[in-house]
Amino acid sequence: MADILIIIPCGLGKIWDKHPNAGAIKANDAYTGAPFKVNREFAERFSDRWVILNAKYGFIDPDFIIPGPYNVSFKKKSTEPIEIDTLIQQIRKMGLNKYGKVVGLGGKEYRWAMEAAFKTYEAEVQFPFAGLPIGKAMRAIKEAIKPGSWRMRPDG
């Protein structure tokens, strides 16, 4: 079993907001907001693998190509976010079920989706910054990224 998978939420701010004609772009470059950037830095520092949880496409790798602008959110059911059953299937297809520890970042809607999707798998799912307002969560994550300030291996 592999070690640590970190799942970060996509971001509200997207490249198409400032560059509407940007066209298709890698997920890693599509999200422009500060929360996504901080979460990405955390994931790159502490994970063996990281993925993005996207309300439209589900679990996606950072190099997944997003064809263009979209506006789907777990917060608004009317936007028709991805179904939990699809997320469960993606976990198996992408090999995300092979990680012993899964660390999730993001707000309660993303936490709910991650918990529901991983419920049938044996991974230990943790949300180290859960319950913090976004500003405090971002400060806590930035502090955690500093060398020697937060230990992720082996027991977090």
N, C-alpha and C. Protein backbone atom coordinates (compact mmCIF):
# COMPACT_ATOMS: atom_id res chain seq x y z
N MET A 1 0.84 -1.18 0.00
CA MET A 1 0.00 0.00 0.00
C MET A 1 0.89 1.25 0.00
N ALA A 2 0.57 2.20 -0.83
CA ALA A 2 1.34 3.45 -0.91
C ALA A 2 1.09 4.30 0.34
N ASP A 3 1.86 5.32 0.48
CA ASP A 3 1.79 6.13 1.69
C ASP A 3 0.67 7.17 1.70
N ILE A 4 0.96 8.37 1.23
CA ILE A 4 0.04 9.49 1.44
C ILE A 4 -0.50 10.06 0.13
N LEU A 5 -1.82 10.16 0.09
CA LEU A 5 -2.53 10.82 -1.00
C LEU A 5 -3.14 12.09 -0.40
N ILE A 6 -2.93 13.21 -1.06
CA ILE A 6 -3.58 14.45 -0.62
C ILE A 6 -4.55 14.88 -1.71
N ILE A 7 -5.74 15.23 -1.27
CA ILE A 7 -6.78 15.69 -2.19
C ILE A 7 -7.09 17.14 -1.86
N ILE A 8 -6.97 17.98 -2.88
CA ILE A 8 -7.26 19.40 -2.68
C ILE A 8 -8.46 19.80 -3.53
N PRO A 9 -9.21 20.79 -3.07
CA PRO A 9 -10.35 21.23 -3.87
C PRO A 9 -9.89 22.07 -5.05
N CYS A 10 -10.70 22.08 -6.08
CA CYS A 10 -10.43 23.00 -7.19
C CYS A 10 -10.66 24.41 -6.64
N GLY A 11 -10.59 25.39 -7.45
CA GLY A 11 -10.76 26.74 -6.94
C GLY A 11 -11.86 27.50 -7.65
N LEU A 12 -12.37 28.49 -6.96
CA LEU A 12 -13.40 29.35 -7.55
C LEU A 12 -12.79 30.21 -8.65
N GLY A 13 -11.61 30.77 -8.38
CA GLY A 13 -10.93 31.58 -9.37
C GLY A 13 -10.29 30.71 -10.43
N LYS A 14 -10.62 30.99 -11.68
CA LYS A 14 -10.10 30.19 -12.79
C LYS A 14 -9.47 31.10 -13.83
N ILE A 15 -8.58 30.55 -14.60
CA ILE A 15 -7.86 31.33 -15.60
C ILE A 15 -8.80 32.01 -16.59
N TRP A 16 -9.93 31.41 -16.87
CA TRP A 16 -10.87 31.97 -17.85
C TRP A 16 -11.53 33.23 -17.34
N ASP A 17 -11.46 33.48 -16.03
CA ASP A 17 -12.04 34.72 -15.49
C ASP A 17 -11.30 35.94 -16.05
N LYS A 18 -9.98 35.83 -16.17
CA LYS A 18 -9.17 36.94 -16.69
C LYS A 18 -8.81 36.77 -18.16
N HIS A 19 -8.81 35.52 -18.60
CA HIS A 19 -8.42 35.21 -19.99
C HIS A 19 -9.50 34.30 -20.59
N PRO A 20 -10.64 34.87 -20.97
CA PRO A 20 -11.77 34.06 -21.45
C PRO A 20 -11.45 33.17 -22.65
N ASN A 21 -10.44 33.53 -23.42
CA ASN A 21 -10.10 32.75 -24.62
C ASN A 21 -8.93 31.81 -24.37
N ALA A 22 -8.62 31.52 -23.12
CA ALA A 22 -7.47 30.67 -22.79
C ALA A 22 -7.61 29.26 -23.35
N GLY A 23 -8.81 28.80 -23.56
CA GLY A 23 -9.01 27.47 -24.11
C GLY A 23 -8.69 26.37 -23.11
N ALA A 24 -8.36 25.19 -23.61
CA ALA A 24 -8.07 24.03 -22.77
C ALA A 24 -6.76 24.25 -22.02
N ILE A 25 -6.75 23.81 -20.76
CA ILE A 25 -5.56 24.03 -19.93
C ILE A 25 -5.46 22.94 -18.86
N LYS A 26 -4.25 22.64 -18.43
CA LYS A 26 -4.05 21.65 -17.37
C LYS A 26 -4.69 22.16 -16.08
N ALA A 27 -5.29 21.24 -15.34
CA ALA A 27 -5.95 21.59 -14.08
C ALA A 27 -5.00 22.33 -13.14
N ASN A 28 -3.76 21.91 -13.10
CA ASN A 28 -2.76 22.53 -12.23
C ASN A 28 -2.62 24.03 -12.51
N ASP A 29 -2.88 24.43 -13.76
CA ASP A 29 -2.75 25.83 -14.16
C ASP A 29 -4.09 26.55 -14.28
N ALA A 30 -5.18 25.82 -14.20
CA ALA A 30 -6.50 26.42 -14.41
C ALA A 30 -6.99 27.25 -13.23
N TYR A 31 -6.60 26.86 -12.03
CA TYR A 31 -7.10 27.52 -10.82
C TYR A 31 -6.11 28.57 -10.36
N THR A 32 -6.58 29.80 -10.22
CA THR A 32 -5.68 30.94 -10.00
C THR A 32 -5.79 31.55 -8.61
N GLY A 33 -6.74 31.10 -7.82
CA GLY A 33 -6.94 31.70 -6.50
C GLY A 33 -5.88 31.31 -5.49
N ALA A 34 -5.69 32.17 -4.50
CA ALA A 34 -4.71 31.93 -3.45
C ALA A 34 -4.96 30.62 -2.70
N PRO A 35 -6.21 30.27 -2.34
CA PRO A 35 -6.42 29.00 -1.63
C PRO A 35 -5.91 27.79 -2.42
N PHE A 36 -6.18 27.76 -3.72
CA PHE A 36 -5.70 26.64 -4.52
C PHE A 36 -4.18 26.59 -4.52
N LYS A 37 -3.55 27.73 -4.68
CA LYS A 37 -2.08 27.77 -4.72
C LYS A 37 -1.47 27.29 -3.41
N VAL A 38 -2.04 27.71 -2.30
CA VAL A 38 -1.53 27.28 -0.99
C VAL A 38 -1.76 25.78 -0.80
N ASN A 39 -2.95 25.30 -1.14
CA ASN A 39 -3.25 23.88 -1.03
C ASN A 39 -2.34 23.04 -1.92
N ARG A 40 -2.09 23.52 -3.12
CA ARG A 40 -1.20 22.81 -4.05
C ARG A 40 0.22 22.71 -3.47
N GLU A 41 0.70 23.81 -2.90
CA GLU A 41 2.04 23.80 -2.31
C GLU A 41 2.11 22.79 -1.16
N PHE A 42 1.07 22.74 -0.34
CA PHE A 42 1.01 21.77 0.76
C PHE A 42 1.05 20.34 0.20
N ALA A 43 0.23 20.09 -0.81
CA ALA A 43 0.15 18.76 -1.41
C ALA A 43 1.48 18.35 -2.02
N GLU A 44 2.12 19.25 -2.72
CA GLU A 44 3.40 18.94 -3.35
C GLU A 44 4.48 18.64 -2.31
N ARG A 45 4.39 19.28 -1.17
CA ARG A 45 5.41 19.09 -0.12
C ARG A 45 5.22 17.78 0.64
N PHE A 46 3.97 17.41 0.92
CA PHE A 46 3.73 16.32 1.87
C PHE A 46 3.18 15.03 1.28
N SER A 47 2.89 14.97 -0.01
CA SER A 47 2.23 13.77 -0.53
C SER A 47 3.13 12.94 -1.43
N ASP A 48 2.76 11.68 -1.54
CA ASP A 48 3.35 10.79 -2.53
C ASP A 48 2.63 11.00 -3.87
N ARG A 49 1.38 11.40 -3.78
CA ARG A 49 0.57 11.72 -4.95
C ARG A 49 -0.50 12.69 -4.49
N TRP A 50 -0.89 13.58 -5.37
CA TRP A 50 -2.00 14.47 -5.04
C TRP A 50 -2.91 14.60 -6.24
N VAL A 51 -4.18 14.82 -5.93
CA VAL A 51 -5.19 15.01 -6.95
C VAL A 51 -6.09 16.17 -6.53
N ILE A 52 -6.86 16.62 -7.49
CA ILE A 52 -7.79 17.71 -7.28
C ILE A 52 -9.20 17.12 -7.28
N LEU A 53 -10.02 17.56 -6.34
CA LEU A 53 -11.44 17.18 -6.39
C LEU A 53 -12.19 18.33 -7.04
N ASN A 54 -12.78 18.02 -8.17
CA ASN A 54 -13.47 18.98 -8.99
C ASN A 54 -14.95 18.60 -9.04
N ALA A 55 -15.82 19.54 -8.78
CA ALA A 55 -17.25 19.23 -8.72
C ALA A 55 -17.83 18.81 -10.08
N LYS A 56 -17.18 19.17 -11.16
CA LYS A 56 -17.66 18.75 -12.49
C LYS A 56 -17.03 17.43 -12.93
N TYR A 57 -15.70 17.30 -12.79
CA TYR A 57 -14.99 16.16 -13.33
C TYR A 57 -14.62 15.10 -12.30
N GLY A 58 -14.77 15.41 -11.02
CA GLY A 58 -14.42 14.46 -9.98
C GLY A 58 -12.95 14.55 -9.60
N PHE A 59 -12.36 13.40 -9.29
CA PHE A 59 -10.94 13.35 -8.94
C PHE A 59 -10.13 13.46 -10.22
N ILE A 60 -9.27 14.46 -10.28
CA ILE A 60 -8.47 14.67 -11.48
C ILE A 60 -7.01 14.88 -11.08
N ASP A 61 -6.13 14.39 -11.92
CA ASP A 61 -4.71 14.62 -11.73
C ASP A 61 -4.38 16.05 -12.13
N PRO A 62 -3.29 16.61 -11.60
CA PRO A 62 -2.92 17.98 -11.93
C PRO A 62 -2.73 18.23 -13.44
N ASP A 63 -2.37 17.20 -14.19
CA ASP A 63 -2.17 17.39 -15.63
C ASP A 63 -3.42 17.08 -16.47
N PHE A 64 -4.55 16.83 -15.80
CA PHE A 64 -5.82 16.62 -16.49
C PHE A 64 -6.15 17.89 -17.29
N ILE A 65 -6.55 17.72 -18.52
CA ILE A 65 -6.88 18.88 -19.36
C ILE A 65 -8.35 19.26 -19.19
N ILE A 66 -8.57 20.47 -18.72
CA ILE A 66 -9.92 21.02 -18.61
C ILE A 66 -10.19 21.77 -19.91
N PRO A 67 -11.26 21.39 -20.63
CA PRO A 67 -11.46 21.94 -21.97
C PRO A 67 -11.78 23.44 -22.02
N GLY A 68 -12.35 23.97 -20.96
CA GLY A 68 -12.72 25.38 -20.97
C GLY A 68 -13.49 25.74 -19.72
N PRO A 69 -14.00 26.95 -19.67
CA PRO A 69 -14.68 27.43 -18.47
C PRO A 69 -15.91 26.60 -18.10
N TYR A 70 -16.18 26.55 -16.83
CA TYR A 70 -17.35 25.85 -16.30
C TYR A 70 -17.68 26.47 -14.95
N ASN A 71 -18.87 26.18 -14.45
CA ASN A 71 -19.25 26.69 -13.14
C ASN A 71 -20.13 25.65 -12.46
N VAL A 72 -19.49 24.66 -11.83
CA VAL A 72 -20.18 23.60 -11.12
C VAL A 72 -19.63 23.59 -9.70
N SER A 73 -20.53 23.42 -8.73
CA SER A 73 -20.12 23.48 -7.33
C SER A 73 -20.87 22.44 -6.51
N PHE A 74 -20.16 21.87 -5.52
CA PHE A 74 -20.83 20.97 -4.58
C PHE A 74 -21.81 21.75 -3.71
N LYS A 75 -21.60 23.05 -3.58
CA LYS A 75 -22.47 23.90 -2.74
C LYS A 75 -23.83 24.11 -3.37
N LYS A 76 -23.89 24.08 -4.71
CA LYS A 76 -25.14 24.33 -5.41
C LYS A 76 -25.54 23.09 -6.20
N LYS A 77 -26.48 22.34 -5.67
CA LYS A 77 -26.92 21.11 -6.35
C LYS A 77 -27.50 21.41 -7.72
N SER A 78 -28.02 22.62 -7.91
CA SER A 78 -28.62 22.98 -9.20
C SER A 78 -27.57 23.00 -10.32
N THR A 79 -26.27 23.07 -9.97
CA THR A 79 -25.22 23.04 -10.99
C THR A 79 -24.87 21.62 -11.40
N GLU A 80 -25.53 20.64 -10.78
CA GLU A 80 -25.36 19.23 -11.08
C GLU A 80 -23.93 18.72 -10.90
N PRO A 81 -23.43 18.80 -9.64
CA PRO A 81 -22.08 18.27 -9.40
C PRO A 81 -22.02 16.76 -9.61
N ILE A 82 -20.82 16.26 -9.78
CA ILE A 82 -20.58 14.84 -10.01
C ILE A 82 -21.21 14.00 -8.90
N GLU A 83 -21.69 12.83 -9.25
CA GLU A 83 -22.33 11.93 -8.28
C GLU A 83 -21.28 11.18 -7.47
N ILE A 84 -21.63 10.85 -6.24
CA ILE A 84 -20.72 10.11 -5.35
C ILE A 84 -20.38 8.75 -5.95
N ASP A 85 -21.34 8.08 -6.58
CA ASP A 85 -21.06 6.78 -7.20
C ASP A 85 -19.96 6.89 -8.26
N THR A 86 -19.95 7.99 -8.99
CA THR A 86 -18.92 8.21 -9.99
C THR A 86 -17.57 8.42 -9.31
N LEU A 87 -17.56 9.17 -8.20
CA LEU A 87 -16.32 9.38 -7.45
C LEU A 87 -15.77 8.05 -6.94
N ILE A 88 -16.65 7.19 -6.45
CA ILE A 88 -16.24 5.87 -5.95
C ILE A 88 -15.58 5.06 -7.07
N GLN A 89 -16.17 5.11 -8.25
CA GLN A 89 -15.59 4.40 -9.40
C GLN A 89 -14.24 5.00 -9.79
N GLN A 90 -14.13 6.33 -9.74
CA GLN A 90 -12.87 6.97 -10.09
C GLN A 90 -11.75 6.57 -9.12
N ILE A 91 -12.08 6.44 -7.85
CA ILE A 91 -11.08 6.04 -6.85
C ILE A 91 -10.44 4.72 -7.26
N ARG A 92 -11.26 3.77 -7.65
CA ARG A 92 -10.74 2.46 -8.05
C ARG A 92 -9.97 2.56 -9.37
N LYS A 93 -10.55 3.23 -10.37
CA LYS A 93 -9.90 3.34 -11.68
C LYS A 93 -8.56 4.06 -11.62
N MET A 94 -8.46 5.06 -10.76
CA MET A 94 -7.24 5.86 -10.67
C MET A 94 -6.23 5.30 -9.67
N GLY A 95 -6.63 4.22 -8.96
CA GLY A 95 -5.74 3.63 -7.98
C GLY A 95 -5.62 4.43 -6.69
N LEU A 96 -6.57 5.29 -6.43
CA LEU A 96 -6.53 6.13 -5.22
C LEU A 96 -6.83 5.31 -3.97
N ASN A 97 -7.40 4.14 -4.16
CA ASN A 97 -7.71 3.25 -3.03
C ASN A 97 -6.47 2.52 -2.53
N LYS A 98 -5.34 2.73 -3.13
CA LYS A 98 -4.10 2.04 -2.74
C LYS A 98 -3.31 2.80 -1.68
N TYR A 99 -3.81 3.94 -1.26
CA TYR A 99 -3.10 4.77 -0.28
C TYR A 99 -3.61 4.48 1.12
N GLY A 100 -2.68 4.32 2.04
CA GLY A 100 -3.04 4.03 3.43
C GLY A 100 -3.59 5.24 4.14
N LYS A 101 -3.09 6.41 3.75
CA LYS A 101 -3.54 7.65 4.38
C LYS A 101 -3.97 8.62 3.30
N VAL A 102 -5.17 9.17 3.48
CA VAL A 102 -5.70 10.17 2.57
C VAL A 102 -5.93 11.44 3.38
N VAL A 103 -5.33 12.53 2.93
CA VAL A 103 -5.50 13.82 3.60
C VAL A 103 -6.31 14.71 2.68
N GLY A 104 -7.41 15.21 3.21
CA GLY A 104 -8.28 16.09 2.44
C GLY A 104 -8.21 17.51 2.91
N LEU A 105 -8.20 18.43 1.97
CA LEU A 105 -8.25 19.85 2.27
C LEU A 105 -9.54 20.40 1.67
N GLY A 106 -9.95 21.55 2.14
CA GLY A 106 -11.14 22.18 1.57
C GLY A 106 -12.27 22.28 2.57
N GLY A 107 -13.33 22.93 2.14
CA GLY A 107 -14.50 23.17 2.98
C GLY A 107 -15.36 21.95 3.18
N LYS A 108 -16.45 22.16 3.92
CA LYS A 108 -17.29 21.04 4.33
C LYS A 108 -17.92 20.28 3.17
N GLU A 109 -18.25 20.97 2.09
CA GLU A 109 -18.85 20.27 0.95
C GLU A 109 -17.86 19.30 0.31
N TYR A 110 -16.61 19.74 0.22
CA TYR A 110 -15.57 18.86 -0.33
C TYR A 110 -15.26 17.73 0.64
N ARG A 111 -15.25 18.05 1.93
CA ARG A 111 -15.01 17.01 2.93
C ARG A 111 -16.10 15.95 2.85
N TRP A 112 -17.34 16.39 2.75
CA TRP A 112 -18.45 15.45 2.67
C TRP A 112 -18.28 14.54 1.45
N ALA A 113 -17.95 15.12 0.30
CA ALA A 113 -17.79 14.32 -0.93
C ALA A 113 -16.65 13.32 -0.78
N MET A 114 -15.53 13.74 -0.20
CA MET A 114 -14.39 12.84 -0.01
C MET A 114 -14.74 11.70 0.95
N GLU A 115 -15.37 12.06 2.07
CA GLU A 115 -15.74 11.03 3.05
C GLU A 115 -16.71 10.02 2.44
N ALA A 116 -17.70 10.51 1.72
CA ALA A 116 -18.68 9.62 1.10
C ALA A 116 -18.02 8.72 0.06
N ALA A 117 -17.13 9.27 -0.72
CA ALA A 117 -16.48 8.51 -1.79
C ALA A 117 -15.52 7.45 -1.25
N PHE A 118 -14.82 7.75 -0.17
CA PHE A 118 -13.84 6.81 0.38
C PHE A 118 -14.44 5.87 1.42
N LYS A 119 -15.70 6.02 1.71
CA LYS A 119 -16.36 5.22 2.75
C LYS A 119 -16.21 3.71 2.54
N THR A 120 -16.23 3.28 1.30
CA THR A 120 -16.17 1.84 1.01
C THR A 120 -14.74 1.31 0.94
N TYR A 121 -13.76 2.19 1.09
CA TYR A 121 -12.36 1.78 1.03
C TYR A 121 -11.73 1.82 2.42
N GLU A 122 -10.60 1.18 2.58
CA GLU A 122 -9.98 1.04 3.89
C GLU A 122 -9.03 2.16 4.28
N ALA A 123 -8.90 3.16 3.47
CA ALA A 123 -7.95 4.24 3.75
C ALA A 123 -8.37 5.04 4.98
N GLU A 124 -7.38 5.51 5.70
CA GLU A 124 -7.60 6.43 6.81
C GLU A 124 -7.71 7.82 6.18
N VAL A 125 -8.87 8.45 6.30
CA VAL A 125 -9.10 9.76 5.70
C VAL A 125 -9.06 10.81 6.81
N GLN A 126 -8.17 11.81 6.63
CA GLN A 126 -7.98 12.85 7.63
C GLN A 126 -8.22 14.23 7.01
N PHE A 127 -8.68 15.14 7.84
CA PHE A 127 -8.91 16.52 7.43
C PHE A 127 -8.28 17.42 8.50
N PRO A 128 -6.96 17.64 8.41
CA PRO A 128 -6.25 18.30 9.50
C PRO A 128 -6.64 19.76 9.74
N PHE A 129 -7.28 20.40 8.79
CA PHE A 129 -7.64 21.81 8.96
C PHE A 129 -9.16 22.01 8.95
N ALA A 130 -9.89 20.93 9.16
CA ALA A 130 -11.36 20.99 9.13
C ALA A 130 -11.89 21.90 10.22
N GLY A 131 -12.96 22.58 9.89
CA GLY A 131 -13.63 23.42 10.87
C GLY A 131 -13.09 24.84 10.96
N LEU A 132 -11.95 25.10 10.35
CA LEU A 132 -11.40 26.46 10.39
C LEU A 132 -12.02 27.31 9.28
N PRO A 133 -12.31 28.56 9.58
CA PRO A 133 -12.74 29.46 8.50
C PRO A 133 -11.61 29.55 7.47
N ILE A 134 -11.95 29.88 6.24
CA ILE A 134 -10.97 29.80 5.15
C ILE A 134 -9.71 30.61 5.43
N GLY A 135 -9.83 31.79 5.98
CA GLY A 135 -8.65 32.61 6.27
C GLY A 135 -7.72 31.94 7.28
N LYS A 136 -8.30 31.39 8.33
CA LYS A 136 -7.50 30.70 9.35
C LYS A 136 -6.92 29.40 8.80
N ALA A 137 -7.68 28.72 7.97
CA ALA A 137 -7.18 27.48 7.36
C ALA A 137 -5.99 27.78 6.47
N MET A 138 -6.08 28.83 5.67
CA MET A 138 -4.97 29.19 4.78
C MET A 138 -3.73 29.56 5.59
N ARG A 139 -3.91 30.30 6.69
CA ARG A 139 -2.76 30.64 7.55
C ARG A 139 -2.16 29.38 8.15
N ALA A 140 -3.01 28.47 8.60
CA ALA A 140 -2.53 27.22 9.21
C ALA A 140 -1.77 26.37 8.18
N ILE A 141 -2.27 26.32 6.97
CA ILE A 141 -1.60 25.55 5.92
C ILE A 141 -0.27 26.19 5.56
N LYS A 142 -0.24 27.51 5.44
CA LYS A 142 1.02 28.21 5.15
C LYS A 142 2.04 27.94 6.25
N GLU A 143 1.58 27.94 7.48
CA GLU A 143 2.48 27.66 8.61
C GLU A 143 2.98 26.21 8.54
N ALA A 144 2.10 25.31 8.19
CA ALA A 144 2.46 23.89 8.09
C ALA A 144 3.51 23.64 7.01
N ILE A 145 3.49 24.44 5.97
CA ILE A 145 4.42 24.27 4.85
C ILE A 145 5.84 24.64 5.23
N LYS A 146 5.98 25.52 6.20
CA LYS A 146 7.32 25.95 6.61
C LYS A 146 8.13 24.74 7.07
N PRO A 147 9.39 24.67 6.66
CA PRO A 147 10.24 23.52 7.04
C PRO A 147 10.25 23.28 8.55
N GLY A 148 10.02 22.03 8.91
CA GLY A 148 10.09 21.61 10.31
C GLY A 148 8.88 21.96 11.16
N SER A 149 7.87 22.60 10.57
CA SER A 149 6.75 23.03 11.40
C SER A 149 5.61 22.03 11.49
N TRP A 150 5.53 21.10 10.53
CA TRP A 150 4.44 20.12 10.57
C TRP A 150 4.95 18.81 10.01
N ARG A 151 4.68 17.76 10.71
CA ARG A 151 5.20 16.45 10.29
C ARG A 151 4.06 15.63 9.71
N MET A 152 4.29 15.13 8.53
CA MET A 152 3.26 14.33 7.85
C MET A 152 3.59 12.86 7.86
N ARG A 153 4.84 12.49 8.01
CA ARG A 153 5.25 11.09 7.93
C ARG A 153 5.82 10.62 9.24
N PRO A 154 5.64 9.42 9.63
CA PRO A 154 4.72 8.45 9.06
C PRO A 154 3.32 8.54 9.67
N ASP A 155 3.20 9.20 10.82
CA ASP A 155 1.90 9.19 11.50
C ASP A 155 1.21 10.55 11.54
N GLY A 156 1.74 11.50 10.83
CA GLY A 156 1.11 12.82 10.70
C GLY A 156 1.03 13.56 11.94
